[in-house]
PDB file of all heavy atoms in Angstrom:
ATOM      1  N   GLY A   1       0.810  -1.196  -0.001  1.00  0.00           N
ATOM      2  CA  GLY A   1       0.001   0.000   0.002  1.00  0.00           C
ATOM      3  C   GLY A   1       0.846   1.254   0.002  1.00  0.00           C
ATOM      4  O   GLY A   1       1.987   1.263  -0.476  1.00  0.00           O
ATOM      5  N   PHE A   2       0.287   2.315   0.615  1.00  0.00           N
ATOM      6  CA  PHE A   2       0.888   3.629   0.523  1.00  0.00           C
ATOM      7  C   PHE A   2       0.806   4.350   1.868  1.00  0.00           C
ATOM      8  O   PHE A   2      -0.052   4.059   2.708  1.00  0.00           O
ATOM      9  CB  PHE A   2       0.172   4.451  -0.557  1.00  0.00           C
ATOM     10  CG  PHE A   2       0.334   3.849  -1.927  1.00  0.00           C
ATOM     11  CD1 PHE A   2      -0.518   2.839  -2.357  1.00  0.00           C
ATOM     12  CD2 PHE A   2       1.351   4.260  -2.768  1.00  0.00           C
ATOM     13  CE1 PHE A   2      -0.355   2.257  -3.599  1.00  0.00           C
ATOM     14  CE2 PHE A   2       1.519   3.686  -4.019  1.00  0.00           C
ATOM     15  CZ  PHE A   2       0.657   2.688  -4.444  1.00  0.00           C
ATOM     16  N   TYR A   3       1.723   5.294   2.022  1.00  0.00           N
ATOM     17  CA  TYR A   3       1.881   6.034   3.275  1.00  0.00           C
ATOM     18  C   TYR A   3       1.708   7.527   2.990  1.00  0.00           C
ATOM     19  O   TYR A   3       2.441   8.087   2.185  1.00  0.00           O
ATOM     20  CB  TYR A   3       3.268   5.726   3.851  1.00  0.00           C
ATOM     21  CG  TYR A   3       3.829   6.707   4.849  1.00  0.00           C
ATOM     22  CD1 TYR A   3       3.082   7.119   5.946  1.00  0.00           C
ATOM     23  CD2 TYR A   3       5.133   7.181   4.718  1.00  0.00           C
ATOM     24  CE1 TYR A   3       3.601   8.005   6.866  1.00  0.00           C
ATOM     25  CE2 TYR A   3       5.667   8.073   5.630  1.00  0.00           C
ATOM     26  CZ  TYR A   3       4.900   8.478   6.702  1.00  0.00           C
ATOM     27  OH  TYR A   3       5.432   9.358   7.614  1.00  0.00           O
ATOM     28  N   TRP A   4       0.737   8.156   3.639  1.00  0.00           N
ATOM     29  CA  TRP A   4       0.520   9.594   3.490  1.00  0.00           C
ATOM     30  C   TRP A   4       1.595  10.318   4.278  1.00  0.00           C
ATOM     31  O   TRP A   4       1.657  10.241   5.504  1.00  0.00           O
ATOM     32  CB  TRP A   4      -0.872   9.977   3.994  1.00  0.00           C
ATOM     33  CG  TRP A   4      -1.233  11.402   3.737  1.00  0.00           C
ATOM     34  CD1 TRP A   4      -1.197  12.424   4.642  1.00  0.00           C
ATOM     35  CD2 TRP A   4      -1.673  11.967   2.499  1.00  0.00           C
ATOM     36  NE1 TRP A   4      -1.594  13.600   4.043  1.00  0.00           N
ATOM     37  CE2 TRP A   4      -1.892  13.354   2.713  1.00  0.00           C
ATOM     38  CE3 TRP A   4      -1.905  11.447   1.221  1.00  0.00           C
ATOM     39  CZ2 TRP A   4      -2.337  14.211   1.720  1.00  0.00           C
ATOM     40  CZ3 TRP A   4      -2.344  12.307   0.229  1.00  0.00           C
ATOM     41  CH2 TRP A   4      -2.550  13.667   0.476  1.00  0.00           C
ATOM     42  N   PHE A   5       2.477  11.027   3.594  1.00  0.00           N
ATOM     43  CA  PHE A   5       3.733  11.505   4.179  1.00  0.00           C
ATOM     44  C   PHE A   5       3.543  12.619   5.212  1.00  0.00           C
ATOM     45  O   PHE A   5       4.250  12.655   6.225  1.00  0.00           O
ATOM     46  CB  PHE A   5       4.650  12.000   3.067  1.00  0.00           C
ATOM     47  CG  PHE A   5       6.009  12.413   3.539  1.00  0.00           C
ATOM     48  CD1 PHE A   5       6.930  11.484   3.954  1.00  0.00           C
ATOM     49  CD2 PHE A   5       6.356  13.762   3.585  1.00  0.00           C
ATOM     50  CE1 PHE A   5       8.198  11.871   4.399  1.00  0.00           C
ATOM     51  CE2 PHE A   5       7.602  14.163   4.027  1.00  0.00           C
ATOM     52  CZ  PHE A   5       8.527  13.202   4.423  1.00  0.00           C
ATOM     53  N   GLU A   6       2.643  13.548   4.975  1.00  0.00           N
ATOM     54  CA  GLU A   6       2.483  14.682   5.895  1.00  0.00           C
ATOM     55  C   GLU A   6       1.963  14.200   7.243  1.00  0.00           C
ATOM     56  O   GLU A   6       1.077  13.351   7.312  1.00  0.00           O
ATOM     57  CB  GLU A   6       1.544  15.718   5.295  1.00  0.00           C
ATOM     58  CG  GLU A   6       2.119  16.419   4.077  1.00  0.00           C
ATOM     59  CD  GLU A   6       3.423  17.144   4.395  1.00  0.00           C
ATOM     60  OE1 GLU A   6       3.419  17.993   5.305  1.00  0.00           O
ATOM     61  OE2 GLU A   6       4.434  16.849   3.729  1.00  0.00           O
ATOM     62  N   GLU A   7       2.493  14.777   8.333  1.00  0.00           N
ATOM     63  CA  GLU A   7       2.220  14.268   9.669  1.00  0.00           C
ATOM     64  C   GLU A   7       1.105  15.011  10.396  1.00  0.00           C
ATOM     65  O   GLU A   7       0.833  14.741  11.568  1.00  0.00           O
ATOM     66  CB  GLU A   7       3.515  14.320  10.484  1.00  0.00           C
ATOM     67  CG  GLU A   7       4.604  13.440   9.889  1.00  0.00           C
ATOM     68  CD  GLU A   7       5.925  13.589  10.592  1.00  0.00           C
ATOM     69  OE1 GLU A   7       6.032  14.460  11.502  1.00  0.00           O
ATOM     70  OE2 GLU A   7       6.855  12.838  10.250  1.00  0.00           O
ATOM     71  N   ALA A   8       0.484  15.950   9.725  1.00  0.00           N
ATOM     72  CA  ALA A   8      -0.658  16.685  10.295  1.00  0.00           C
ATOM     73  C   ALA A   8      -1.450  17.265   9.127  1.00  0.00           C
ATOM     74  O   ALA A   8      -0.921  17.428   8.016  1.00  0.00           O
ATOM     75  CB  ALA A   8      -0.198  17.807  11.222  1.00  0.00           C
ATOM     76  N   LEU A   9      -2.712  17.571   9.375  1.00  0.00           N
ATOM     77  CA  LEU A   9      -3.476  18.279   8.360  1.00  0.00           C
ATOM     78  C   LEU A   9      -3.015  19.733   8.283  1.00  0.00           C
ATOM     79  O   LEU A   9      -2.579  20.315   9.285  1.00  0.00           O
ATOM     80  CB  LEU A   9      -4.959  18.239   8.685  1.00  0.00           C
ATOM     81  CG  LEU A   9      -5.656  16.874   8.573  1.00  0.00           C
ATOM     82  CD1 LEU A   9      -7.147  17.057   8.785  1.00  0.00           C
ATOM     83  CD2 LEU A   9      -5.372  16.209   7.236  1.00  0.00           C
ATOM     84  N   ASN A  10      -3.133  20.315   7.108  1.00  0.00           N
ATOM     85  CA  ASN A  10      -2.766  21.706   6.911  1.00  0.00           C
ATOM     86  C   ASN A  10      -4.030  22.556   7.089  1.00  0.00           C
ATOM     87  O   ASN A  10      -4.951  22.481   6.275  1.00  0.00           O
ATOM     88  CB  ASN A  10      -2.200  21.877   5.495  1.00  0.00           C
ATOM     89  CG  ASN A  10      -1.779  23.300   5.208  1.00  0.00           C
ATOM     90  OD1 ASN A  10      -2.039  24.223   5.973  1.00  0.00           O
ATOM     91  ND2 ASN A  10      -1.107  23.491   4.085  1.00  0.00           N
ATOM     92  N   PRO A  11      -4.089  23.391   8.119  1.00  0.00           N
ATOM     93  CA  PRO A  11      -5.322  24.149   8.395  1.00  0.00           C
ATOM     94  C   PRO A  11      -5.649  25.174   7.310  1.00  0.00           C
ATOM     95  O   PRO A  11      -6.789  25.645   7.221  1.00  0.00           O
ATOM     96  CB  PRO A  11      -5.031  24.830   9.734  1.00  0.00           C
ATOM     97  CG  PRO A  11      -3.551  24.890   9.813  1.00  0.00           C
ATOM     98  CD  PRO A  11      -3.048  23.665   9.115  1.00  0.00           C
ATOM     99  N   THR A  12      -4.671  25.511   6.476  1.00  0.00           N
ATOM    100  CA  THR A  12      -4.916  26.498   5.418  1.00  0.00           C
ATOM    101  C   THR A  12      -5.329  25.843   4.100  1.00  0.00           C
ATOM    102  O   THR A  12      -5.609  26.552   3.128  1.00  0.00           O
ATOM    103  CB  THR A  12      -3.657  27.344   5.178  1.00  0.00           C
ATOM    104  OG1 THR A  12      -2.608  26.530   4.634  1.00  0.00           O
ATOM    105  CG2 THR A  12      -3.178  27.989   6.472  1.00  0.00           C
ATOM    106  N   ASP A  13      -5.354  24.526   4.064  1.00  0.00           N
ATOM    107  CA  ASP A  13      -5.677  23.806   2.821  1.00  0.00           C
ATOM    108  C   ASP A  13      -7.108  23.280   2.909  1.00  0.00           C
ATOM    109  O   ASP A  13      -7.362  22.224   3.476  1.00  0.00           O
ATOM    110  CB  ASP A  13      -4.684  22.658   2.622  1.00  0.00           C
ATOM    111  CG  ASP A  13      -4.879  21.927   1.302  1.00  0.00           C
ATOM    112  OD1 ASP A  13      -5.886  22.195   0.605  1.00  0.00           O
ATOM    113  OD2 ASP A  13      -4.031  21.081   0.981  1.00  0.00           O
ATOM    114  N   ARG A  14      -8.032  23.999   2.334  1.00  0.00           N
ATOM    115  CA  ARG A  14      -9.447  23.628   2.471  1.00  0.00           C
ATOM    116  C   ARG A  14      -9.822  22.406   1.656  1.00  0.00           C
ATOM    117  O   ARG A  14     -10.910  21.845   1.833  1.00  0.00           O
ATOM    118  CB  ARG A  14     -10.358  24.805   2.100  1.00  0.00           C
ATOM    119  CG  ARG A  14     -10.285  25.263   0.666  1.00  0.00           C
ATOM    120  CD  ARG A  14     -11.054  26.551   0.500  1.00  0.00           C
ATOM    121  NE  ARG A  14     -11.003  27.081  -0.856  1.00  0.00           N
ATOM    122  CZ  ARG A  14     -12.080  27.277  -1.611  1.00  0.00           C
ATOM    123  NH1 ARG A  14     -13.278  26.992  -1.135  1.00  0.00           N
ATOM    124  NH2 ARG A  14     -11.955  27.779  -2.807  1.00  0.00           N
ATOM    125  N   TYR A  15      -8.945  21.971   0.760  1.00  0.00           N
ATOM    126  CA  TYR A  15      -9.244  20.813  -0.070  1.00  0.00           C
ATOM    127  C   TYR A  15      -8.539  19.532   0.405  1.00  0.00           C
ATOM    128  O   TYR A  15      -8.732  18.480  -0.175  1.00  0.00           O
ATOM    129  CB  TYR A  15      -8.830  21.083  -1.524  1.00  0.00           C
ATOM    130  CG  TYR A  15      -9.603  22.199  -2.175  1.00  0.00           C
ATOM    131  CD1 TYR A  15      -8.979  23.414  -2.478  1.00  0.00           C
ATOM    132  CD2 TYR A  15     -10.957  22.054  -2.479  1.00  0.00           C
ATOM    133  CE1 TYR A  15      -9.684  24.445  -3.071  1.00  0.00           C
ATOM    134  CE2 TYR A  15     -11.680  23.087  -3.075  1.00  0.00           C
ATOM    135  CZ  TYR A  15     -11.028  24.271  -3.373  1.00  0.00           C
ATOM    136  OH  TYR A  15     -11.729  25.290  -3.966  1.00  0.00           O
ATOM    137  N   GLU A  16      -7.722  19.651   1.430  1.00  0.00           N
ATOM    138  CA  GLU A  16      -6.870  18.520   1.793  1.00  0.00           C
ATOM    139  C   GLU A  16      -7.671  17.282   2.178  1.00  0.00           C
ATOM    140  O   GLU A  16      -7.365  16.164   1.728  1.00  0.00           O
ATOM    141  CB  GLU A  16      -5.924  18.902   2.943  1.00  0.00           C
ATOM    142  CG  GLU A  16      -4.937  17.782   3.258  1.00  0.00           C
ATOM    143  CD  GLU A  16      -3.926  18.189   4.310  1.00  0.00           C
ATOM    144  OE1 GLU A  16      -4.252  19.055   5.143  1.00  0.00           O
ATOM    145  OE2 GLU A  16      -2.822  17.638   4.291  1.00  0.00           O
ATOM    146  N   LYS A  17      -8.679  17.426   3.014  1.00  0.00           N
ATOM    147  CA  LYS A  17      -9.466  16.262   3.426  1.00  0.00           C
ATOM    148  C   LYS A  17     -10.105  15.578   2.220  1.00  0.00           C
ATOM    149  O   LYS A  17     -10.109  14.343   2.109  1.00  0.00           O
ATOM    150  CB  LYS A  17     -10.533  16.677   4.435  1.00  0.00           C
ATOM    151  CG  LYS A  17      -9.973  17.140   5.765  1.00  0.00           C
ATOM    152  CD  LYS A  17     -11.108  17.560   6.703  1.00  0.00           C
ATOM    153  CE  LYS A  17     -10.566  18.094   8.024  1.00  0.00           C
ATOM    154  NZ  LYS A  17     -11.663  18.529   8.930  1.00  0.00           N
ATOM    155  N   GLU A  18     -10.649  16.392   1.326  1.00  0.00           N
ATOM    156  CA  GLU A  18     -11.269  15.852   0.108  1.00  0.00           C
ATOM    157  C   GLU A  18     -10.233  15.097  -0.724  1.00  0.00           C
ATOM    158  O   GLU A  18     -10.528  14.010  -1.259  1.00  0.00           O
ATOM    159  CB  GLU A  18     -11.842  17.018  -0.694  1.00  0.00           C
ATOM    160  CG  GLU A  18     -12.387  16.659  -2.053  1.00  0.00           C
ATOM    161  CD  GLU A  18     -12.750  17.888  -2.870  1.00  0.00           C
ATOM    162  OE1 GLU A  18     -13.053  18.944  -2.269  1.00  0.00           O
ATOM    163  OE2 GLU A  18     -12.732  17.781  -4.105  1.00  0.00           O
ATOM    164  N   ILE A  19      -9.034  15.633  -0.820  1.00  0.00           N
ATOM    165  CA  ILE A  19      -7.979  15.010  -1.622  1.00  0.00           C
ATOM    166  C   ILE A  19      -7.508  13.705  -0.979  1.00  0.00           C
ATOM    167  O   ILE A  19      -7.283  12.701  -1.665  1.00  0.00           O
ATOM    168  CB  ILE A  19      -6.816  16.001  -1.812  1.00  0.00           C
ATOM    169  CG1 ILE A  19      -7.259  17.110  -2.771  1.00  0.00           C
ATOM    170  CG2 ILE A  19      -5.564  15.296  -2.324  1.00  0.00           C
ATOM    171  CD1 ILE A  19      -6.324  18.298  -2.825  1.00  0.00           C
ATOM    172  N   ILE A  20      -7.391  13.703   0.347  1.00  0.00           N
ATOM    173  CA  ILE A  20      -6.999  12.464   1.044  1.00  0.00           C
ATOM    174  C   ILE A  20      -8.053  11.387   0.821  1.00  0.00           C
ATOM    175  O   ILE A  20      -7.733  10.233   0.494  1.00  0.00           O
ATOM    176  CB  ILE A  20      -6.791  12.715   2.550  1.00  0.00           C
ATOM    177  CG1 ILE A  20      -5.596  13.625   2.793  1.00  0.00           C
ATOM    178  CG2 ILE A  20      -6.589  11.381   3.278  1.00  0.00           C
ATOM    179  CD1 ILE A  20      -5.438  14.047   4.232  1.00  0.00           C
ATOM    180  N   ARG A  21      -9.315  11.747   0.980  1.00  0.00           N
ATOM    181  CA  ARG A  21     -10.393  10.768   0.801  1.00  0.00           C
ATOM    182  C   ARG A  21     -10.403  10.218  -0.621  1.00  0.00           C
ATOM    183  O   ARG A  21     -10.554   9.003  -0.831  1.00  0.00           O
ATOM    184  CB  ARG A  21     -11.742  11.395   1.143  1.00  0.00           C
ATOM    185  CG  ARG A  21     -11.924  11.715   2.610  1.00  0.00           C
ATOM    186  CD  ARG A  21     -13.336  12.194   2.911  1.00  0.00           C
ATOM    187  NE  ARG A  21     -13.482  12.572   4.307  1.00  0.00           N
ATOM    188  CZ  ARG A  21     -13.642  13.823   4.745  1.00  0.00           C
ATOM    189  NH1 ARG A  21     -13.679  14.820   3.876  1.00  0.00           N
ATOM    190  NH2 ARG A  21     -13.757  14.082   6.032  1.00  0.00           N
ATOM    191  N   ASP A  22     -10.222  11.088  -1.592  1.00  0.00           N
ATOM    192  CA  ASP A  22     -10.211  10.649  -2.987  1.00  0.00           C
ATOM    193  C   ASP A  22      -9.037   9.720  -3.241  1.00  0.00           C
ATOM    194  O   ASP A  22      -9.172   8.691  -3.929  1.00  0.00           O
ATOM    195  CB  ASP A  22     -10.137  11.872  -3.906  1.00  0.00           C
ATOM    196  CG  ASP A  22     -10.210  11.492  -5.370  1.00  0.00           C
ATOM    197  OD1 ASP A  22     -11.322  11.228  -5.858  1.00  0.00           O
ATOM    198  OD2 ASP A  22      -9.142  11.428  -6.022  1.00  0.00           O
ATOM    199  N   THR A  23      -7.888  10.056  -2.680  1.00  0.00           N
ATOM    200  CA  THR A  23      -6.684   9.240  -2.865  1.00  0.00           C
ATOM    201  C   THR A  23      -6.850   7.877  -2.214  1.00  0.00           C
ATOM    202  O   THR A  23      -6.506   6.836  -2.808  1.00  0.00           O
ATOM    203  CB  THR A  23      -5.466   9.960  -2.280  1.00  0.00           C
ATOM    204  OG1 THR A  23      -5.310  11.233  -2.924  1.00  0.00           O
ATOM    205  CG2 THR A  23      -4.196   9.137  -2.462  1.00  0.00           C
ATOM    206  N   CYS A  24      -7.389   7.841  -1.000  1.00  0.00           N
ATOM    207  CA  CYS A  24      -7.614   6.556  -0.323  1.00  0.00           C
ATOM    208  C   CYS A  24      -8.617   5.691  -1.094  1.00  0.00           C
ATOM    209  O   CYS A  24      -8.435   4.475  -1.208  1.00  0.00           O
ATOM    210  CB  CYS A  24      -8.091   6.782   1.109  1.00  0.00           C
ATOM    211  SG  CYS A  24      -6.804   7.370   2.234  1.00  0.00           S
ATOM    212  N   ARG A  25      -9.660   6.313  -1.631  1.00  0.00           N
ATOM    213  CA  ARG A  25     -10.620   5.550  -2.431  1.00  0.00           C
ATOM    214  C   ARG A  25      -9.942   4.917  -3.643  1.00  0.00           C
ATOM    215  O   ARG A  25     -10.209   3.754  -3.982  1.00  0.00           O
ATOM    216  CB  ARG A  25     -11.777   6.452  -2.879  1.00  0.00           C
ATOM    217  CG  ARG A  25     -12.848   6.692  -1.827  1.00  0.00           C
ATOM    218  CD  ARG A  25     -14.101   7.297  -2.432  1.00  0.00           C
ATOM    219  NE  ARG A  25     -13.856   8.617  -3.015  1.00  0.00           N
ATOM    220  CZ  ARG A  25     -13.996   9.757  -2.348  1.00  0.00           C
ATOM    221  NH1 ARG A  25     -14.375   9.754  -1.081  1.00  0.00           N
ATOM    222  NH2 ARG A  25     -13.767  10.908  -2.949  1.00  0.00           N
ATOM    223  N   TYR A  26      -9.060   5.684  -4.279  1.00  0.00           N
ATOM    224  CA  TYR A  26      -8.365   5.147  -5.449  1.00  0.00           C
ATOM    225  C   TYR A  26      -7.448   3.991  -5.057  1.00  0.00           C
ATOM    226  O   TYR A  26      -7.412   2.955  -5.722  1.00  0.00           O
ATOM    227  CB  TYR A  26      -7.563   6.255  -6.125  1.00  0.00           C
ATOM    228  CG  TYR A  26      -6.893   5.800  -7.404  1.00  0.00           C
ATOM    229  CD1 TYR A  26      -7.654   5.394  -8.494  1.00  0.00           C
ATOM    230  CD2 TYR A  26      -5.504   5.766  -7.512  1.00  0.00           C
ATOM    231  CE1 TYR A  26      -7.056   4.964  -9.667  1.00  0.00           C
ATOM    232  CE2 TYR A  26      -4.904   5.347  -8.682  1.00  0.00           C
ATOM    233  CZ  TYR A  26      -5.681   4.938  -9.758  1.00  0.00           C
ATOM    234  OH  TYR A  26      -5.082   4.507 -10.911  1.00  0.00           O
ATOM    235  N   ILE A  27      -6.717   4.159  -3.969  1.00  0.00           N
ATOM    236  CA  ILE A  27      -5.831   3.096  -3.481  1.00  0.00           C
ATOM    237  C   ILE A  27      -6.635   1.836  -3.180  1.00  0.00           C
ATOM    238  O   ILE A  27      -6.239   0.724  -3.547  1.00  0.00           O
ATOM    239  CB  ILE A  27      -5.062   3.589  -2.238  1.00  0.00           C
ATOM    240  CG1 ILE A  27      -4.023   4.641  -2.653  1.00  0.00           C
ATOM    241  CG2 ILE A  27      -4.397   2.421  -1.508  1.00  0.00           C
ATOM    242  CD1 ILE A  27      -3.411   5.383  -1.489  1.00  0.00           C
ATOM    243  N   HIS A  28      -7.763   1.995  -2.517  1.00  0.00           N
ATOM    244  CA  HIS A  28      -8.596   0.836  -2.182  1.00  0.00           C
ATOM    245  C   HIS A  28      -9.160   0.176  -3.444  1.00  0.00           C
ATOM    246  O   HIS A  28      -9.282  -1.058  -3.500  1.00  0.00           O
ATOM    247  CB  HIS A  28      -9.749   1.271  -1.262  1.00  0.00           C
ATOM    248  CG  HIS A  28      -9.288   1.709   0.079  1.00  0.00           C
ATOM    249  ND1 HIS A  28      -9.968   2.629   0.838  1.00  0.00           N
ATOM    250  CD2 HIS A  28      -8.205   1.352   0.814  1.00  0.00           C
ATOM    251  CE1 HIS A  28      -9.328   2.813   1.975  1.00  0.00           C
ATOM    252  NE2 HIS A  28      -8.250   2.055   1.987  1.00  0.00           N
ATOM    253  N   SER A  29      -9.475   0.967  -4.460  1.00  0.00           N
ATOM    254  CA  SER A  29      -9.997   0.398  -5.701  1.00  0.00           C
ATOM    255  C   SER A  29      -8.969  -0.490  -6.382  1.00  0.00           C
ATOM    256  O   SER A  29      -9.323  -1.382  -7.161  1.00  0.00           O
ATOM    257  CB  SER A  29     -10.450   1.512  -6.652  1.00  0.00           C
ATOM    258  OG  SER A  29      -9.342   2.152  -7.288  1.00  0.00           O
ATOM    259  N   LEU A  30      -7.682  -0.252  -6.078  1.00  0.00           N
ATOM    260  CA  LEU A  30      -6.608  -1.062  -6.661  1.00  0.00           C
ATOM    261  C   LEU A  30      -6.250  -2.252  -5.764  1.00  0.00           C
ATOM    262  O   LEU A  30      -5.397  -3.058  -6.129  1.00  0.00           O
ATOM    263  CB  LEU A  30      -5.361  -0.192  -6.868  1.00  0.00           C
ATOM    264  CG  LEU A  30      -5.530   1.001  -7.821  1.00  0.00           C
ATOM    265  CD1 LEU A  30      -4.266   1.861  -7.823  1.00  0.00           C
ATOM    266  CD2 LEU A  30      -5.858   0.529  -9.227  1.00  0.00           C
ATOM    267  N   GLY A  31      -6.895  -2.330  -4.584  1.00  0.00           N
ATOM    268  CA  GLY A  31      -6.668  -3.456  -3.694  1.00  0.00           C
ATOM    269  C   GLY A  31      -5.557  -3.260  -2.686  1.00  0.00           C
ATOM    270  O   GLY A  31      -5.068  -4.231  -2.097  1.00  0.00           O
ATOM    271  N   TYR A  32      -5.164  -1.997  -2.425  1.00  0.00           N
ATOM    272  CA  TYR A  32      -4.074  -1.725  -1.494  1.00  0.00           C
ATOM    273  C   TYR A  32      -4.577  -0.966  -0.265  1.00  0.00           C
ATOM    274  O   TYR A  32      -5.719  -0.516  -0.218  1.00  0.00           O
ATOM    275  CB  TYR A  32      -2.969  -0.916  -2.193  1.00  0.00           C
ATOM    276  CG  TYR A  32      -2.372  -1.623  -3.371  1.00  0.00           C
ATOM    277  CD1 TYR A  32      -2.675  -1.228  -4.672  1.00  0.00           C
ATOM    278  CD2 TYR A  32      -1.514  -2.703  -3.191  1.00  0.00           C
ATOM    279  CE1 TYR A  32      -2.134  -1.891  -5.767  1.00  0.00           C
ATOM    280  CE2 TYR A  32      -0.973  -3.377  -4.275  1.00  0.00           C
ATOM    281  CZ  TYR A  32      -1.278  -2.960  -5.559  1.00  0.00           C
ATOM    282  OH  TYR A  32      -0.763  -3.623  -6.636  1.00  0.00           O
TER     283      TYR A  32
END
């Protein structure tokens, strides 16, 4: 699988949660 490198959420990035969720969904769709 994969490791999300950043160690905290960025409070100034309003899209970060959405991007993490989308990325995790894609990883899961590949079976990882």
